[in-house]
Amino acid sequence: MSERGISKKSAVIEGAIDLASDVGKTANTEAEVNSTLMRVKSAPAPKPIPDQPTGLELTMGDDDGEISGHCNSQPGIVDYYEIQYTTSDPLGPNPNWQFADTSKKSRFELTGLPSGQKVWVHIRAVNARGKCSWSDPACKRVP
């Protein structure tokens, strides 16, 4: 900030203090005094790392190769979700998870999946502080 900007800011602060002081001097009750106090908001706390997504559910999409999904949301915490799928047993030795998409919402649609195959999907929430662990997988046969 320039010197001129700092000077203007200081003048505004001094004026506000003088105004609050003058109003406080004319108050007749403690309630009137309290009503003249200027409150300063504290800086917002940083977002925590998102929790592991829960409630992941999958449904058939409208077209072949399409699945819709959603999980419980975390408003104000999650920036986006990473979504992966596999056609092999997710508890097996090599589940071969593949990147499917990202979504800014807890609802998503995946397209281009192998029709007729059973797929497992898992997601994780991400924000500037980090990534949570992957959700429990949900399973659906792709139309």
N, C-alpha and C. Protein backbone atom coordinates (compact mmCIF):
# COMPACT_ATOMS: atom_id res chain seq x y z
N MET A 1 0.84 -1.17 0.00
CA MET A 1 0.00 0.00 0.00
C MET A 1 0.89 1.24 0.00
N SER A 2 0.50 2.26 -0.76
CA SER A 2 1.30 3.48 -0.84
C SER A 2 1.17 4.30 0.44
N GLU A 3 2.08 5.29 0.58
CA GLU A 3 2.01 6.17 1.76
C GLU A 3 0.69 6.91 1.79
N ARG A 4 0.22 7.32 0.63
CA ARG A 4 -1.04 8.06 0.56
C ARG A 4 -2.19 7.17 1.01
N GLY A 5 -2.17 5.88 0.58
CA GLY A 5 -3.20 4.92 0.97
C GLY A 5 -3.18 4.67 2.47
N ILE A 6 -1.98 4.56 3.04
CA ILE A 6 -1.84 4.35 4.48
C ILE A 6 -2.36 5.57 5.23
N SER A 7 -2.05 6.75 4.72
CA SER A 7 -2.49 8.00 5.36
C SER A 7 -4.02 8.08 5.35
N LYS A 8 -4.66 7.74 4.23
CA LYS A 8 -6.12 7.77 4.14
C LYS A 8 -6.74 6.76 5.10
N LYS A 9 -6.15 5.57 5.15
CA LYS A 9 -6.66 4.53 6.04
C LYS A 9 -6.55 4.99 7.49
N SER A 10 -5.43 5.59 7.87
CA SER A 10 -5.25 6.08 9.23
C SER A 10 -6.26 7.16 9.57
N ALA A 11 -6.53 8.03 8.60
CA ALA A 11 -7.50 9.10 8.83
C ALA A 11 -8.91 8.53 9.04
N VAL A 12 -9.27 7.51 8.28
CA VAL A 12 -10.59 6.88 8.42
C VAL A 12 -10.70 6.21 9.79
N ILE A 13 -9.65 5.51 10.19
CA ILE A 13 -9.66 4.84 11.49
C ILE A 13 -9.79 5.85 12.62
N GLU A 14 -9.00 6.94 12.55
CA GLU A 14 -9.09 7.99 13.58
C GLU A 14 -10.48 8.60 13.62
N GLY A 15 -11.08 8.83 12.46
CA GLY A 15 -12.43 9.40 12.41
C GLY A 15 -13.45 8.46 13.03
N ALA A 16 -13.33 7.18 12.76
CA ALA A 16 -14.26 6.21 13.32
C ALA A 16 -14.12 6.15 14.84
N ILE A 17 -12.90 6.21 15.34
CA ILE A 17 -12.66 6.19 16.79
C ILE A 17 -13.25 7.43 17.43
N ASP A 18 -13.04 8.58 16.82
CA ASP A 18 -13.61 9.82 17.36
C ASP A 18 -15.13 9.76 17.39
N LEU A 19 -15.74 9.25 16.31
CA LEU A 19 -17.20 9.15 16.24
C LEU A 19 -17.71 8.22 17.34
N ALA A 20 -17.08 7.06 17.51
CA ALA A 20 -17.51 6.12 18.54
C ALA A 20 -17.36 6.75 19.93
N SER A 21 -16.29 7.49 20.13
CA SER A 21 -16.06 8.15 21.41
C SER A 21 -17.14 9.18 21.69
N ASP A 22 -17.47 10.00 20.68
CA ASP A 22 -18.51 11.03 20.85
C ASP A 22 -19.87 10.39 21.16
N VAL A 23 -20.20 9.33 20.44
CA VAL A 23 -21.48 8.66 20.68
C VAL A 23 -21.48 8.06 22.07
N GLY A 24 -20.37 7.45 22.47
CA GLY A 24 -20.27 6.84 23.79
C GLY A 24 -20.44 7.87 24.91
N LYS A 25 -19.96 9.09 24.69
CA LYS A 25 -20.07 10.14 25.72
C LYS A 25 -21.51 10.58 25.92
N THR A 26 -22.35 10.44 24.90
CA THR A 26 -23.73 10.89 25.03
C THR A 26 -24.67 9.78 25.48
N ALA A 27 -24.16 8.57 25.63
CA ALA A 27 -25.02 7.46 26.03
C ALA A 27 -25.43 7.61 27.48
N ASN A 28 -26.66 7.21 27.78
CA ASN A 28 -27.20 7.31 29.14
C ASN A 28 -27.21 5.98 29.88
N THR A 29 -27.15 4.88 29.15
CA THR A 29 -27.19 3.57 29.79
C THR A 29 -26.04 2.70 29.28
N GLU A 30 -25.79 1.63 30.01
CA GLU A 30 -24.73 0.70 29.57
C GLU A 30 -25.10 0.06 28.23
N ALA A 31 -26.39 -0.21 28.02
CA ALA A 31 -26.84 -0.80 26.76
C ALA A 31 -26.53 0.15 25.60
N GLU A 32 -26.71 1.45 25.80
CA GLU A 32 -26.40 2.42 24.74
C GLU A 32 -24.90 2.45 24.47
N VAL A 33 -24.12 2.34 25.51
CA VAL A 33 -22.67 2.32 25.34
C VAL A 33 -22.27 1.07 24.55
N ASN A 34 -22.80 -0.08 24.96
CA ASN A 34 -22.46 -1.33 24.27
C ASN A 34 -22.89 -1.30 22.80
N SER A 35 -23.99 -0.61 22.52
CA SER A 35 -24.47 -0.57 21.14
C SER A 35 -23.56 0.28 20.25
N THR A 36 -22.70 1.11 20.84
CA THR A 36 -21.80 1.95 20.04
C THR A 36 -20.44 1.32 19.80
N LEU A 37 -20.18 0.20 20.46
CA LEU A 37 -18.87 -0.43 20.30
C LEU A 37 -18.69 -0.94 18.88
N MET A 38 -17.52 -0.73 18.37
CA MET A 38 -17.19 -1.20 17.03
C MET A 38 -16.58 -2.58 17.16
N ARG A 39 -17.11 -3.50 16.42
CA ARG A 39 -16.60 -4.86 16.48
C ARG A 39 -15.75 -5.16 15.25
N VAL A 40 -14.68 -5.86 15.49
CA VAL A 40 -13.77 -6.22 14.41
C VAL A 40 -13.92 -7.72 14.17
N LYS A 41 -14.18 -8.07 12.94
CA LYS A 41 -14.28 -9.49 12.60
C LYS A 41 -12.89 -10.10 12.58
N SER A 42 -12.79 -11.28 13.11
CA SER A 42 -11.51 -11.97 13.03
C SER A 42 -11.40 -12.62 11.65
N ALA A 43 -10.19 -12.87 11.26
CA ALA A 43 -9.96 -13.49 9.96
C ALA A 43 -10.61 -14.87 9.95
N PRO A 44 -11.17 -15.28 8.82
CA PRO A 44 -11.80 -16.60 8.78
C PRO A 44 -10.77 -17.70 8.99
N ALA A 45 -11.19 -18.73 9.68
CA ALA A 45 -10.30 -19.87 9.91
C ALA A 45 -10.07 -20.60 8.59
N PRO A 46 -8.90 -21.14 8.39
CA PRO A 46 -8.66 -21.88 7.15
C PRO A 46 -9.54 -23.12 7.10
N LYS A 47 -9.89 -23.52 5.89
CA LYS A 47 -10.69 -24.74 5.70
C LYS A 47 -9.89 -25.93 6.21
N PRO A 48 -10.57 -26.89 6.85
CA PRO A 48 -9.86 -28.12 7.22
C PRO A 48 -9.72 -29.02 5.98
N ILE A 49 -8.85 -30.01 6.06
CA ILE A 49 -8.78 -31.01 5.00
C ILE A 49 -10.13 -31.72 4.99
N PRO A 50 -10.71 -31.96 3.82
CA PRO A 50 -12.04 -32.58 3.78
C PRO A 50 -12.04 -33.97 4.42
N ASP A 51 -13.21 -34.35 4.92
CA ASP A 51 -13.40 -35.70 5.43
C ASP A 51 -13.57 -36.67 4.27
N GLN A 52 -13.34 -37.93 4.55
CA GLN A 52 -13.56 -38.98 3.55
C GLN A 52 -15.04 -38.95 3.15
N PRO A 53 -15.34 -38.94 1.84
CA PRO A 53 -16.74 -38.92 1.41
C PRO A 53 -17.50 -40.16 1.91
N THR A 54 -18.74 -39.95 2.28
CA THR A 54 -19.61 -41.04 2.73
C THR A 54 -20.88 -41.05 1.90
N GLY A 55 -21.59 -42.16 1.98
CA GLY A 55 -22.90 -42.25 1.31
C GLY A 55 -22.81 -42.32 -0.21
N LEU A 56 -21.72 -42.83 -0.76
CA LEU A 56 -21.58 -42.91 -2.22
C LEU A 56 -22.61 -43.88 -2.78
N GLU A 57 -23.41 -43.40 -3.71
CA GLU A 57 -24.43 -44.22 -4.37
C GLU A 57 -24.32 -44.04 -5.87
N LEU A 58 -24.54 -45.12 -6.61
CA LEU A 58 -24.50 -45.09 -8.07
C LEU A 58 -25.84 -45.52 -8.62
N THR A 59 -26.24 -44.90 -9.73
CA THR A 59 -27.45 -45.29 -10.44
C THR A 59 -27.13 -45.34 -11.93
N MET A 60 -27.97 -46.07 -12.67
CA MET A 60 -27.77 -46.15 -14.11
C MET A 60 -28.02 -44.78 -14.73
N GLY A 61 -27.21 -44.44 -15.71
CA GLY A 61 -27.41 -43.20 -16.43
C GLY A 61 -28.48 -43.35 -17.49
N ASP A 62 -28.72 -42.31 -18.26
CA ASP A 62 -29.73 -42.33 -19.30
C ASP A 62 -29.27 -43.05 -20.56
N ASP A 63 -27.97 -43.11 -20.79
CA ASP A 63 -27.43 -43.70 -22.03
C ASP A 63 -26.52 -44.88 -21.71
N ASP A 64 -26.24 -45.68 -22.74
CA ASP A 64 -25.30 -46.78 -22.58
C ASP A 64 -23.94 -46.22 -22.15
N GLY A 65 -23.28 -46.93 -21.26
CA GLY A 65 -21.96 -46.52 -20.81
C GLY A 65 -21.97 -45.37 -19.82
N GLU A 66 -23.14 -45.06 -19.24
CA GLU A 66 -23.26 -43.90 -18.35
C GLU A 66 -23.77 -44.30 -16.98
N ILE A 67 -23.13 -43.77 -15.97
CA ILE A 67 -23.54 -43.98 -14.57
C ILE A 67 -23.58 -42.61 -13.89
N SER A 68 -24.59 -42.42 -13.05
CA SER A 68 -24.68 -41.21 -12.23
C SER A 68 -24.33 -41.59 -10.79
N GLY A 69 -23.78 -40.65 -10.06
CA GLY A 69 -23.43 -40.92 -8.68
C GLY A 69 -23.54 -39.69 -7.81
N HIS A 70 -23.59 -39.92 -6.53
CA HIS A 70 -23.56 -38.81 -5.57
C HIS A 70 -23.11 -39.33 -4.21
N CYS A 71 -22.62 -38.41 -3.40
CA CYS A 71 -22.22 -38.73 -2.03
C CYS A 71 -22.68 -37.58 -1.14
N ASN A 72 -22.51 -37.74 0.16
CA ASN A 72 -22.84 -36.66 1.09
C ASN A 72 -21.88 -35.50 0.85
N SER A 73 -22.41 -34.29 0.81
CA SER A 73 -21.57 -33.12 0.51
C SER A 73 -20.96 -32.54 1.79
N GLN A 74 -19.97 -31.69 1.58
CA GLN A 74 -19.31 -30.97 2.67
C GLN A 74 -19.25 -29.49 2.26
N PRO A 75 -20.37 -28.78 2.36
CA PRO A 75 -20.43 -27.39 1.87
C PRO A 75 -19.36 -26.50 2.50
N GLY A 76 -18.73 -25.68 1.65
CA GLY A 76 -17.74 -24.73 2.11
C GLY A 76 -16.37 -25.34 2.39
N ILE A 77 -16.23 -26.65 2.24
CA ILE A 77 -14.94 -27.29 2.55
C ILE A 77 -14.30 -27.87 1.30
N VAL A 78 -15.09 -28.55 0.46
CA VAL A 78 -14.56 -29.25 -0.70
C VAL A 78 -14.48 -28.32 -1.90
N ASP A 79 -13.31 -28.30 -2.56
CA ASP A 79 -13.16 -27.55 -3.80
C ASP A 79 -13.60 -28.40 -4.99
N TYR A 80 -13.24 -29.69 -4.97
CA TYR A 80 -13.67 -30.61 -6.03
C TYR A 80 -13.45 -32.05 -5.57
N TYR A 81 -14.03 -32.98 -6.32
CA TYR A 81 -13.89 -34.41 -6.06
C TYR A 81 -13.13 -35.07 -7.19
N GLU A 82 -12.26 -36.01 -6.86
CA GLU A 82 -11.59 -36.85 -7.85
C GLU A 82 -12.34 -38.18 -7.89
N ILE A 83 -12.57 -38.69 -9.08
CA ILE A 83 -13.37 -39.91 -9.25
C ILE A 83 -12.56 -40.94 -10.03
N GLN A 84 -12.53 -42.16 -9.53
CA GLN A 84 -11.86 -43.26 -10.21
C GLN A 84 -12.81 -44.45 -10.29
N TYR A 85 -12.54 -45.36 -11.26
CA TYR A 85 -13.33 -46.58 -11.37
C TYR A 85 -12.41 -47.74 -11.73
N THR A 86 -12.92 -48.95 -11.49
CA THR A 86 -12.22 -50.16 -11.90
C THR A 86 -13.26 -51.21 -12.28
N THR A 87 -12.88 -52.12 -13.17
CA THR A 87 -13.75 -53.24 -13.54
C THR A 87 -13.29 -54.52 -12.86
N SER A 88 -12.21 -54.45 -12.09
CA SER A 88 -11.72 -55.63 -11.37
C SER A 88 -12.04 -55.47 -9.88
N ASP A 89 -11.92 -56.54 -9.15
CA ASP A 89 -12.23 -56.56 -7.72
C ASP A 89 -11.40 -55.50 -6.99
N PRO A 90 -12.05 -54.51 -6.36
CA PRO A 90 -11.29 -53.45 -5.69
C PRO A 90 -10.50 -53.95 -4.48
N LEU A 91 -10.84 -55.13 -3.96
CA LEU A 91 -10.11 -55.68 -2.83
C LEU A 91 -9.05 -56.69 -3.28
N GLY A 92 -8.97 -56.90 -4.59
CA GLY A 92 -7.99 -57.83 -5.13
C GLY A 92 -6.58 -57.26 -5.08
N PRO A 93 -5.59 -58.06 -5.51
CA PRO A 93 -4.20 -57.63 -5.43
C PRO A 93 -3.86 -56.47 -6.36
N ASN A 94 -4.57 -56.32 -7.48
CA ASN A 94 -4.28 -55.24 -8.42
C ASN A 94 -5.60 -54.68 -8.97
N PRO A 95 -6.24 -53.79 -8.22
CA PRO A 95 -7.56 -53.30 -8.66
C PRO A 95 -7.53 -52.43 -9.92
N ASN A 96 -6.36 -51.91 -10.30
CA ASN A 96 -6.22 -51.13 -11.52
C ASN A 96 -7.23 -49.97 -11.62
N TRP A 97 -7.23 -49.11 -10.61
CA TRP A 97 -8.10 -47.94 -10.61
C TRP A 97 -7.71 -47.02 -11.76
N GLN A 98 -8.71 -46.51 -12.46
CA GLN A 98 -8.49 -45.60 -13.58
C GLN A 98 -9.17 -44.26 -13.30
N PHE A 99 -8.50 -43.19 -13.70
CA PHE A 99 -9.09 -41.85 -13.55
C PHE A 99 -10.36 -41.78 -14.40
N ALA A 100 -11.45 -41.28 -13.82
CA ALA A 100 -12.70 -41.14 -14.54
C ALA A 100 -13.02 -39.68 -14.80
N ASP A 101 -12.93 -38.83 -13.75
CA ASP A 101 -13.33 -37.44 -13.91
C ASP A 101 -13.07 -36.69 -12.61
N THR A 102 -13.28 -35.38 -12.65
CA THR A 102 -13.36 -34.56 -11.45
C THR A 102 -14.71 -33.86 -11.48
N SER A 103 -15.19 -33.47 -10.31
CA SER A 103 -16.48 -32.80 -10.22
C SER A 103 -16.42 -31.75 -9.12
N LYS A 104 -16.96 -30.58 -9.38
CA LYS A 104 -17.01 -29.54 -8.36
C LYS A 104 -18.17 -29.78 -7.39
N LYS A 105 -19.05 -30.71 -7.74
CA LYS A 105 -20.21 -31.01 -6.90
C LYS A 105 -20.15 -32.44 -6.41
N SER A 106 -20.97 -32.75 -5.40
CA SER A 106 -21.01 -34.11 -4.87
C SER A 106 -21.85 -35.03 -5.76
N ARG A 107 -22.47 -34.48 -6.78
CA ARG A 107 -23.20 -35.26 -7.80
C ARG A 107 -22.37 -35.26 -9.07
N PHE A 108 -22.34 -36.40 -9.75
CA PHE A 108 -21.52 -36.49 -10.96
C PHE A 108 -22.10 -37.51 -11.92
N GLU A 109 -21.67 -37.44 -13.16
CA GLU A 109 -22.03 -38.41 -14.19
C GLU A 109 -20.76 -38.88 -14.86
N LEU A 110 -20.65 -40.17 -15.05
CA LEU A 110 -19.52 -40.75 -15.75
C LEU A 110 -20.03 -41.34 -17.06
N THR A 111 -19.34 -41.02 -18.15
CA THR A 111 -19.73 -41.54 -19.46
C THR A 111 -18.56 -42.31 -20.06
N GLY A 112 -18.86 -43.07 -21.10
CA GLY A 112 -17.80 -43.81 -21.78
C GLY A 112 -17.32 -45.04 -21.02
N LEU A 113 -18.11 -45.50 -20.05
CA LEU A 113 -17.74 -46.70 -19.30
C LEU A 113 -18.09 -47.94 -20.12
N PRO A 114 -17.47 -49.08 -19.83
CA PRO A 114 -17.72 -50.29 -20.61
C PRO A 114 -19.12 -50.87 -20.34
N SER A 115 -20.01 -50.79 -21.35
CA SER A 115 -21.39 -51.28 -21.20
C SER A 115 -21.41 -52.77 -20.85
N GLY A 116 -22.33 -53.12 -19.95
CA GLY A 116 -22.50 -54.51 -19.56
C GLY A 116 -21.55 -54.96 -18.47
N GLN A 117 -20.56 -54.18 -18.16
CA GLN A 117 -19.57 -54.55 -17.14
C GLN A 117 -19.98 -54.02 -15.77
N LYS A 118 -19.57 -54.74 -14.76
CA LYS A 118 -19.74 -54.27 -13.40
C LYS A 118 -18.55 -53.35 -13.12
N VAL A 119 -18.82 -52.15 -12.59
CA VAL A 119 -17.74 -51.23 -12.24
C VAL A 119 -17.86 -50.83 -10.78
N TRP A 120 -16.72 -50.59 -10.18
CA TRP A 120 -16.64 -50.04 -8.83
C TRP A 120 -16.11 -48.62 -8.96
N VAL A 121 -16.70 -47.73 -8.21
CA VAL A 121 -16.31 -46.31 -8.25
C VAL A 121 -15.96 -45.89 -6.83
N HIS A 122 -14.90 -45.09 -6.70
CA HIS A 122 -14.62 -44.44 -5.42
C HIS A 122 -14.21 -43.00 -5.70
N ILE A 123 -14.37 -42.16 -4.69
CA ILE A 123 -14.08 -40.73 -4.85
C ILE A 123 -13.33 -40.23 -3.62
N ARG A 124 -12.67 -39.09 -3.81
CA ARG A 124 -12.07 -38.41 -2.66
C ARG A 124 -12.26 -36.91 -2.84
N ALA A 125 -12.34 -36.23 -1.72
CA ALA A 125 -12.55 -34.79 -1.71
C ALA A 125 -11.20 -34.07 -1.61
N VAL A 126 -11.13 -32.91 -2.28
CA VAL A 126 -9.87 -32.15 -2.35
C VAL A 126 -10.16 -30.67 -2.09
N ASN A 127 -9.24 -30.03 -1.38
CA ASN A 127 -9.23 -28.56 -1.30
C ASN A 127 -7.78 -28.11 -1.20
N ALA A 128 -7.56 -26.82 -0.99
CA ALA A 128 -6.20 -26.27 -0.97
C ALA A 128 -5.35 -26.86 0.15
N ARG A 129 -5.97 -27.34 1.21
CA ARG A 129 -5.23 -27.91 2.34
C ARG A 129 -4.78 -29.34 2.09
N GLY A 130 -5.48 -30.06 1.17
CA GLY A 130 -5.07 -31.44 0.90
C GLY A 130 -6.20 -32.30 0.38
N LYS A 131 -5.89 -33.60 0.33
CA LYS A 131 -6.83 -34.61 -0.17
C LYS A 131 -7.14 -35.58 0.96
N CYS A 132 -8.39 -35.99 1.05
CA CYS A 132 -8.76 -36.98 2.05
C CYS A 132 -8.50 -38.37 1.48
N SER A 133 -8.75 -39.40 2.25
CA SER A 133 -8.61 -40.76 1.75
C SER A 133 -9.81 -41.10 0.85
N TRP A 134 -9.65 -42.13 0.04
CA TRP A 134 -10.70 -42.53 -0.90
C TRP A 134 -11.91 -43.07 -0.14
N SER A 135 -13.08 -42.85 -0.70
CA SER A 135 -14.32 -43.38 -0.12
C SER A 135 -14.35 -44.90 -0.27
N ASP A 136 -15.26 -45.52 0.44
CA ASP A 136 -15.52 -46.94 0.19
C ASP A 136 -16.09 -47.03 -1.22
N PRO A 137 -15.73 -48.07 -1.97
CA PRO A 137 -16.24 -48.17 -3.34
C PRO A 137 -17.71 -48.55 -3.38
N ALA A 138 -18.38 -48.06 -4.42
CA ALA A 138 -19.76 -48.44 -4.71
C ALA A 138 -19.74 -49.18 -6.04
N CYS A 139 -20.69 -50.09 -6.24
CA CYS A 139 -20.66 -50.94 -7.43
C CYS A 139 -21.97 -50.82 -8.19
N LYS A 140 -21.87 -50.89 -9.53
CA LYS A 140 -23.05 -50.85 -10.40
C LYS A 140 -22.70 -51.49 -11.73
N ARG A 141 -23.66 -52.19 -12.33
CA ARG A 141 -23.47 -52.71 -13.68
C ARG A 141 -23.80 -51.59 -14.65
N VAL A 142 -22.91 -51.34 -15.60
CA VAL A 142 -23.07 -50.24 -16.56
C VAL A 142 -24.09 -50.64 -17.63
N PRO A 143 -25.07 -49.79 -17.90
CA PRO A 143 -26.07 -50.11 -18.93
C PRO A 143 -25.46 -50.10 -20.33
